[in-house]
Amino acid sequence: MKPFLILLFLFCACSTQPKKIEYSPSSQVGCMNIQEVKTRLACIGRLVKQLEGIRNAVISVEVENLERIDSEYINTKETYCFTSQETGEKYLCFETQVAKYDPTTLGKIYSFGIKFGFGFIVGIVTGIGISN
């Protein structure tokens, strides 16, 4: 069974394409099919036996901003908790760190400021070089 889980983990880790994830500062709650939950947990190497017997899991996601990586991405920490819809019992929590795309106005202003500032500096340096 262990070799199968290792292969599954490697397959999931290698086949997952990086994608832009919308930035969301607020907590979210959603429902997910338990098979999908088990697959996701297996992909990140988590034990799924704790979720046996639960038909549906309610997932709460807490998002915390750690730092801005560049003009368009923010390094965030996400805490996921799975609870039974039927009993409300909390079964599993784990944390991940994700680089999230920031499409907000602040992100766009920050991005423009970086690009404009860099262009302005290059323009001044070039202008000084030409005038000399």
N, C-alpha and C. Protein backbone atom coordinates (compact mmCIF):
# COMPACT_ATOMS: atom_id res chain seq x y z
N MET A 1 0.82 -1.20 0.00
CA MET A 1 0.00 0.00 0.00
C MET A 1 0.87 1.27 0.00
N LYS A 2 1.98 1.23 0.74
CA LYS A 2 2.85 2.41 0.81
C LYS A 2 3.44 2.77 -0.55
N PRO A 3 3.95 1.78 -1.33
CA PRO A 3 4.47 2.15 -2.66
C PRO A 3 3.42 2.81 -3.54
N PHE A 4 2.17 2.34 -3.42
CA PHE A 4 1.09 2.92 -4.21
C PHE A 4 0.87 4.39 -3.83
N LEU A 5 0.85 4.67 -2.52
CA LEU A 5 0.65 6.06 -2.06
C LEU A 5 1.81 6.96 -2.49
N ILE A 6 3.02 6.41 -2.44
CA ILE A 6 4.19 7.19 -2.88
C ILE A 6 4.08 7.52 -4.37
N LEU A 7 3.69 6.51 -5.17
CA LEU A 7 3.51 6.73 -6.61
C LEU A 7 2.41 7.74 -6.87
N LEU A 8 1.30 7.62 -6.11
CA LEU A 8 0.19 8.55 -6.26
C LEU A 8 0.64 9.97 -5.93
N PHE A 9 1.41 10.10 -4.84
CA PHE A 9 1.92 11.41 -4.43
C PHE A 9 2.82 12.00 -5.51
N LEU A 10 3.75 11.19 -6.04
CA LEU A 10 4.66 11.67 -7.07
C LEU A 10 3.90 12.05 -8.33
N PHE A 11 2.91 11.22 -8.70
CA PHE A 11 2.11 11.51 -9.90
C PHE A 11 1.37 12.83 -9.73
N CYS A 12 0.74 13.01 -8.58
CA CYS A 12 -0.02 14.24 -8.34
C CYS A 12 0.90 15.46 -8.29
N ALA A 13 2.04 15.29 -7.63
CA ALA A 13 2.97 16.42 -7.50
C ALA A 13 3.55 16.81 -8.85
N CYS A 14 3.81 15.81 -9.69
CA CYS A 14 4.44 16.09 -10.98
C CYS A 14 3.45 16.54 -12.04
N SER A 15 2.18 16.10 -11.91
CA SER A 15 1.22 16.40 -12.96
C SER A 15 0.46 17.70 -12.71
N THR A 16 0.57 18.26 -11.52
CA THR A 16 -0.16 19.48 -11.20
C THR A 16 0.55 20.68 -11.82
N GLN A 17 -0.18 21.40 -12.65
CA GLN A 17 0.38 22.60 -13.29
C GLN A 17 0.18 23.80 -12.37
N PRO A 18 1.18 24.67 -12.24
CA PRO A 18 0.97 25.89 -11.44
C PRO A 18 -0.04 26.79 -12.14
N LYS A 19 -0.89 27.42 -11.37
CA LYS A 19 -1.88 28.30 -11.98
C LYS A 19 -2.09 29.52 -11.11
N LYS A 20 -2.60 30.57 -11.71
CA LYS A 20 -2.88 31.77 -10.95
C LYS A 20 -4.14 31.54 -10.11
N ILE A 21 -4.04 31.85 -8.82
CA ILE A 21 -5.18 31.68 -7.93
C ILE A 21 -5.60 33.06 -7.47
N GLU A 22 -6.88 33.35 -7.57
CA GLU A 22 -7.37 34.66 -7.18
C GLU A 22 -7.13 34.89 -5.69
N TYR A 23 -6.70 36.09 -5.35
CA TYR A 23 -6.44 36.45 -3.96
C TYR A 23 -7.75 36.70 -3.24
N SER A 24 -7.93 36.10 -2.08
CA SER A 24 -9.15 36.30 -1.32
C SER A 24 -8.81 36.43 0.16
N PRO A 25 -8.91 37.61 0.73
CA PRO A 25 -8.50 37.80 2.13
C PRO A 25 -9.48 37.25 3.15
N SER A 26 -10.73 37.01 2.74
CA SER A 26 -11.74 36.59 3.72
C SER A 26 -11.81 35.07 3.84
N SER A 27 -12.38 34.62 4.94
CA SER A 27 -12.56 33.18 5.14
C SER A 27 -13.65 32.67 4.21
N GLN A 28 -13.49 31.42 3.79
CA GLN A 28 -14.47 30.82 2.88
C GLN A 28 -14.91 29.48 3.45
N VAL A 29 -16.16 29.13 3.23
CA VAL A 29 -16.66 27.81 3.61
C VAL A 29 -17.32 27.20 2.40
N GLY A 30 -17.03 25.94 2.13
CA GLY A 30 -17.63 25.29 0.98
C GLY A 30 -17.79 23.80 1.22
N CYS A 31 -18.54 23.15 0.37
CA CYS A 31 -18.73 21.71 0.48
C CYS A 31 -17.96 21.01 -0.63
N MET A 32 -17.43 19.85 -0.32
CA MET A 32 -16.65 19.10 -1.30
C MET A 32 -16.97 17.62 -1.15
N ASN A 33 -17.04 16.93 -2.27
CA ASN A 33 -17.24 15.49 -2.25
C ASN A 33 -16.10 14.82 -1.49
N ILE A 34 -16.42 13.87 -0.62
CA ILE A 34 -15.41 13.27 0.23
C ILE A 34 -14.33 12.55 -0.57
N GLN A 35 -14.67 12.00 -1.74
CA GLN A 35 -13.66 11.34 -2.57
C GLN A 35 -12.63 12.35 -3.06
N GLU A 36 -13.10 13.54 -3.40
CA GLU A 36 -12.20 14.60 -3.84
C GLU A 36 -11.29 15.03 -2.68
N VAL A 37 -11.87 15.11 -1.48
CA VAL A 37 -11.09 15.44 -0.29
C VAL A 37 -9.99 14.41 -0.09
N LYS A 38 -10.34 13.13 -0.17
CA LYS A 38 -9.36 12.05 0.03
C LYS A 38 -8.26 12.12 -1.02
N THR A 39 -8.63 12.39 -2.26
CA THR A 39 -7.64 12.48 -3.34
C THR A 39 -6.67 13.62 -3.07
N ARG A 40 -7.20 14.78 -2.69
CA ARG A 40 -6.34 15.93 -2.43
C ARG A 40 -5.41 15.66 -1.25
N LEU A 41 -5.94 15.04 -0.21
CA LEU A 41 -5.10 14.76 0.96
C LEU A 41 -4.03 13.74 0.63
N ALA A 42 -4.38 12.74 -0.19
CA ALA A 42 -3.39 11.74 -0.60
C ALA A 42 -2.28 12.40 -1.41
N CYS A 43 -2.64 13.39 -2.21
CA CYS A 43 -1.66 14.06 -3.06
C CYS A 43 -0.65 14.86 -2.24
N ILE A 44 -1.05 15.33 -1.09
CA ILE A 44 -0.09 16.06 -0.27
C ILE A 44 0.46 15.20 0.86
N GLY A 45 0.25 13.90 0.76
CA GLY A 45 0.86 12.97 1.69
C GLY A 45 0.20 12.91 3.05
N ARG A 46 -1.07 13.27 3.15
CA ARG A 46 -1.78 13.24 4.43
C ARG A 46 -2.48 11.89 4.62
N LEU A 47 -2.67 11.50 5.88
CA LEU A 47 -3.43 10.30 6.16
C LEU A 47 -4.91 10.59 5.97
N VAL A 48 -5.61 9.67 5.30
CA VAL A 48 -7.03 9.91 5.03
C VAL A 48 -7.93 9.01 5.86
N LYS A 49 -7.36 8.15 6.68
CA LYS A 49 -8.18 7.24 7.48
C LYS A 49 -9.09 7.99 8.44
N GLN A 50 -8.66 9.18 8.86
CA GLN A 50 -9.47 9.97 9.79
C GLN A 50 -10.79 10.39 9.16
N LEU A 51 -10.85 10.41 7.84
CA LEU A 51 -12.06 10.86 7.15
C LEU A 51 -12.98 9.71 6.73
N GLU A 52 -12.60 8.47 7.06
CA GLU A 52 -13.43 7.32 6.69
C GLU A 52 -14.82 7.46 7.30
N GLY A 53 -15.83 7.15 6.52
CA GLY A 53 -17.20 7.15 7.04
C GLY A 53 -17.91 8.48 6.94
N ILE A 54 -17.20 9.53 6.55
CA ILE A 54 -17.87 10.83 6.39
C ILE A 54 -18.28 10.96 4.93
N ARG A 55 -19.55 11.24 4.69
CA ARG A 55 -20.00 11.35 3.30
C ARG A 55 -19.57 12.70 2.70
N ASN A 56 -19.76 13.75 3.44
CA ASN A 56 -19.36 15.08 2.97
C ASN A 56 -18.59 15.81 4.05
N ALA A 57 -17.64 16.60 3.62
CA ALA A 57 -16.86 17.39 4.57
C ALA A 57 -17.06 18.87 4.27
N VAL A 58 -17.25 19.65 5.32
CA VAL A 58 -17.30 21.10 5.17
C VAL A 58 -15.87 21.60 5.34
N ILE A 59 -15.43 22.41 4.41
CA ILE A 59 -14.05 22.89 4.43
C ILE A 59 -14.04 24.38 4.71
N SER A 60 -13.35 24.77 5.77
CA SER A 60 -13.17 26.20 6.02
C SER A 60 -11.73 26.55 5.69
N VAL A 61 -11.54 27.68 5.04
CA VAL A 61 -10.21 28.11 4.62
C VAL A 61 -9.91 29.47 5.23
N GLU A 62 -8.87 29.51 6.04
CA GLU A 62 -8.40 30.78 6.60
C GLU A 62 -7.17 31.21 5.80
N VAL A 63 -7.19 32.43 5.28
CA VAL A 63 -6.08 32.92 4.46
C VAL A 63 -5.38 34.06 5.18
N GLU A 64 -4.07 33.94 5.32
CA GLU A 64 -3.27 34.98 5.98
C GLU A 64 -2.16 35.43 5.03
N ASN A 65 -2.04 36.74 4.83
CA ASN A 65 -0.99 37.26 3.95
C ASN A 65 0.33 37.32 4.70
N LEU A 66 1.38 36.76 4.11
CA LEU A 66 2.69 36.77 4.74
C LEU A 66 3.56 37.90 4.19
N GLU A 67 3.66 38.00 2.87
CA GLU A 67 4.50 39.05 2.27
C GLU A 67 4.17 39.13 0.78
N ARG A 68 4.52 40.27 0.19
CA ARG A 68 4.35 40.41 -1.26
C ARG A 68 5.61 39.89 -1.93
N ILE A 69 5.43 38.93 -2.85
CA ILE A 69 6.58 38.31 -3.52
C ILE A 69 7.09 39.23 -4.62
N ASP A 70 6.19 39.70 -5.46
CA ASP A 70 6.56 40.67 -6.50
C ASP A 70 5.34 41.55 -6.76
N SER A 71 5.30 42.18 -7.91
CA SER A 71 4.23 43.14 -8.16
C SER A 71 2.85 42.51 -8.28
N GLU A 72 2.77 41.21 -8.58
CA GLU A 72 1.46 40.61 -8.80
C GLU A 72 1.13 39.43 -7.89
N TYR A 73 2.09 38.97 -7.12
CA TYR A 73 1.85 37.79 -6.28
C TYR A 73 2.08 38.08 -4.81
N ILE A 74 1.25 37.47 -3.97
CA ILE A 74 1.38 37.58 -2.52
C ILE A 74 1.61 36.19 -1.96
N ASN A 75 2.58 36.06 -1.05
CA ASN A 75 2.82 34.79 -0.37
C ASN A 75 1.79 34.67 0.75
N THR A 76 0.96 33.64 0.71
CA THR A 76 -0.10 33.49 1.70
C THR A 76 0.02 32.16 2.42
N LYS A 77 -0.50 32.13 3.64
CA LYS A 77 -0.60 30.88 4.39
C LYS A 77 -2.08 30.53 4.46
N GLU A 78 -2.42 29.32 4.04
CA GLU A 78 -3.81 28.87 4.09
C GLU A 78 -3.94 27.76 5.11
N THR A 79 -4.94 27.85 5.97
CA THR A 79 -5.23 26.79 6.93
C THR A 79 -6.57 26.17 6.54
N TYR A 80 -6.55 24.88 6.21
CA TYR A 80 -7.75 24.15 5.83
C TYR A 80 -8.20 23.27 7.00
N CYS A 81 -9.49 23.30 7.30
CA CYS A 81 -10.05 22.40 8.31
C CYS A 81 -11.24 21.65 7.72
N PHE A 82 -11.29 20.34 7.96
CA PHE A 82 -12.37 19.49 7.48
C PHE A 82 -13.25 19.08 8.66
N THR A 83 -14.55 19.31 8.54
CA THR A 83 -15.48 18.89 9.59
C THR A 83 -16.62 18.10 8.98
N SER A 84 -17.19 17.22 9.77
CA SER A 84 -18.32 16.41 9.31
C SER A 84 -19.56 17.29 9.23
N GLN A 85 -20.31 17.19 8.13
CA GLN A 85 -21.55 17.95 8.00
C GLN A 85 -22.60 17.41 8.97
N GLU A 86 -22.53 16.11 9.25
CA GLU A 86 -23.56 15.48 10.06
C GLU A 86 -23.36 15.75 11.55
N THR A 87 -22.13 15.63 12.03
CA THR A 87 -21.88 15.76 13.47
C THR A 87 -21.21 17.07 13.85
N GLY A 88 -20.59 17.74 12.88
CA GLY A 88 -19.87 18.97 13.18
C GLY A 88 -18.50 18.72 13.79
N GLU A 89 -18.11 17.44 13.88
CA GLU A 89 -16.81 17.10 14.47
C GLU A 89 -15.68 17.46 13.51
N LYS A 90 -14.64 18.09 14.06
CA LYS A 90 -13.48 18.48 13.25
C LYS A 90 -12.53 17.30 13.16
N TYR A 91 -12.15 16.93 11.93
CA TYR A 91 -11.33 15.75 11.73
C TYR A 91 -9.88 16.06 11.41
N LEU A 92 -9.63 17.08 10.64
CA LEU A 92 -8.26 17.27 10.16
C LEU A 92 -8.04 18.73 9.79
N CYS A 93 -6.91 19.28 10.21
CA CYS A 93 -6.51 20.62 9.79
C CYS A 93 -5.08 20.57 9.28
N PHE A 94 -4.79 21.33 8.25
CA PHE A 94 -3.41 21.43 7.79
C PHE A 94 -3.17 22.79 7.16
N GLU A 95 -1.91 23.17 7.10
CA GLU A 95 -1.52 24.47 6.55
C GLU A 95 -0.74 24.29 5.26
N THR A 96 -0.93 25.22 4.35
CA THR A 96 -0.12 25.25 3.13
C THR A 96 0.31 26.69 2.89
N GLN A 97 1.39 26.87 2.15
CA GLN A 97 1.79 28.20 1.72
C GLN A 97 1.67 28.27 0.20
N VAL A 98 0.99 29.30 -0.26
CA VAL A 98 0.70 29.43 -1.69
C VAL A 98 1.02 30.84 -2.15
N ALA A 99 1.57 30.95 -3.36
CA ALA A 99 1.74 32.26 -3.99
C ALA A 99 0.45 32.58 -4.73
N LYS A 100 -0.24 33.61 -4.29
CA LYS A 100 -1.53 33.94 -4.89
C LYS A 100 -1.45 35.19 -5.75
N TYR A 101 -2.12 35.11 -6.89
CA TYR A 101 -2.22 36.24 -7.81
C TYR A 101 -3.11 37.30 -7.18
N ASP A 102 -2.70 38.55 -7.24
CA ASP A 102 -3.45 39.65 -6.63
C ASP A 102 -4.00 40.59 -7.70
N PRO A 103 -5.27 40.40 -8.10
CA PRO A 103 -5.85 41.24 -9.16
C PRO A 103 -6.48 42.52 -8.61
N THR A 104 -6.30 42.80 -7.32
CA THR A 104 -6.95 43.96 -6.70
C THR A 104 -6.33 45.26 -7.19
N THR A 105 -6.99 46.35 -6.89
CA THR A 105 -6.51 47.67 -7.29
C THR A 105 -5.13 47.94 -6.71
N LEU A 106 -4.92 47.56 -5.44
CA LEU A 106 -3.62 47.76 -4.80
C LEU A 106 -2.53 47.02 -5.55
N GLY A 107 -2.82 45.78 -5.96
CA GLY A 107 -1.84 45.00 -6.71
C GLY A 107 -1.51 45.65 -8.04
N LYS A 108 -2.53 46.19 -8.71
CA LYS A 108 -2.31 46.84 -10.01
C LYS A 108 -1.51 48.14 -9.84
N ILE A 109 -1.83 48.90 -8.79
CA ILE A 109 -1.09 50.14 -8.52
C ILE A 109 0.37 49.82 -8.20
N TYR A 110 0.56 48.80 -7.36
CA TYR A 110 1.91 48.38 -6.98
C TYR A 110 2.69 47.94 -8.22
N SER A 111 2.03 47.15 -9.08
CA SER A 111 2.66 46.66 -10.31
C SER A 111 3.04 47.84 -11.22
N PHE A 112 2.11 48.79 -11.38
CA PHE A 112 2.37 49.96 -12.23
C PHE A 112 3.53 50.78 -11.66
N GLY A 113 3.53 50.96 -10.33
CA GLY A 113 4.59 51.72 -9.67
C GLY A 113 5.96 51.12 -9.90
N ILE A 114 6.05 49.79 -9.80
CA ILE A 114 7.33 49.10 -10.02
C ILE A 114 7.78 49.29 -11.47
N LYS A 115 6.85 49.07 -12.42
CA LYS A 115 7.20 49.17 -13.85
C LYS A 115 7.56 50.61 -14.22
N PHE A 116 6.75 51.57 -13.74
CA PHE A 116 6.99 52.98 -14.06
C PHE A 116 8.31 53.44 -13.43
N GLY A 117 8.52 53.06 -12.17
CA GLY A 117 9.75 53.45 -11.46
C GLY A 117 10.99 52.92 -12.15
N PHE A 118 10.94 51.66 -12.58
CA PHE A 118 12.07 51.05 -13.28
C PHE A 118 12.33 51.76 -14.60
N GLY A 119 11.25 52.03 -15.35
CA GLY A 119 11.37 52.74 -16.63
C GLY A 119 11.91 54.14 -16.45
N PHE A 120 11.47 54.82 -15.39
CA PHE A 120 11.92 56.18 -15.10
C PHE A 120 13.42 56.20 -14.80
N ILE A 121 13.88 55.25 -13.98
CA ILE A 121 15.31 55.16 -13.63
C ILE A 121 16.14 54.87 -14.88
N VAL A 122 15.69 53.92 -15.71
CA VAL A 122 16.41 53.58 -16.95
C VAL A 122 16.46 54.80 -17.86
N GLY A 123 15.35 55.55 -17.93
CA GLY A 123 15.30 56.76 -18.75
C GLY A 123 16.29 57.81 -18.29
N ILE A 124 16.39 58.02 -16.98
CA ILE A 124 17.34 59.01 -16.44
C ILE A 124 18.78 58.58 -16.73
N VAL A 125 19.08 57.31 -16.46
CA VAL A 125 20.44 56.80 -16.69
C VAL A 125 20.81 56.93 -18.17
N THR A 126 19.87 56.56 -19.04
CA THR A 126 20.11 56.67 -20.49
C THR A 126 20.30 58.13 -20.90
N GLY A 127 19.46 59.01 -20.35
CA GLY A 127 19.56 60.44 -20.65
C GLY A 127 20.89 61.02 -20.21
N ILE A 128 21.35 60.65 -19.03
CA ILE A 128 22.66 61.12 -18.53
C ILE A 128 23.78 60.60 -19.43
N GLY A 129 23.67 59.33 -19.82
CA GLY A 129 24.69 58.72 -20.69
C GLY A 129 24.76 59.40 -22.04
N ILE A 130 23.60 59.76 -22.60
CA ILE A 130 23.57 60.41 -23.92
C ILE A 130 24.11 61.84 -23.81
N SER A 131 23.73 62.56 -22.73
CA SER A 131 24.16 63.96 -22.60
C SER A 131 25.67 64.07 -22.36
N ASN A 132 26.27 63.05 -21.79
CA ASN A 132 27.72 63.08 -21.58
C ASN A 132 28.41 62.69 -22.87
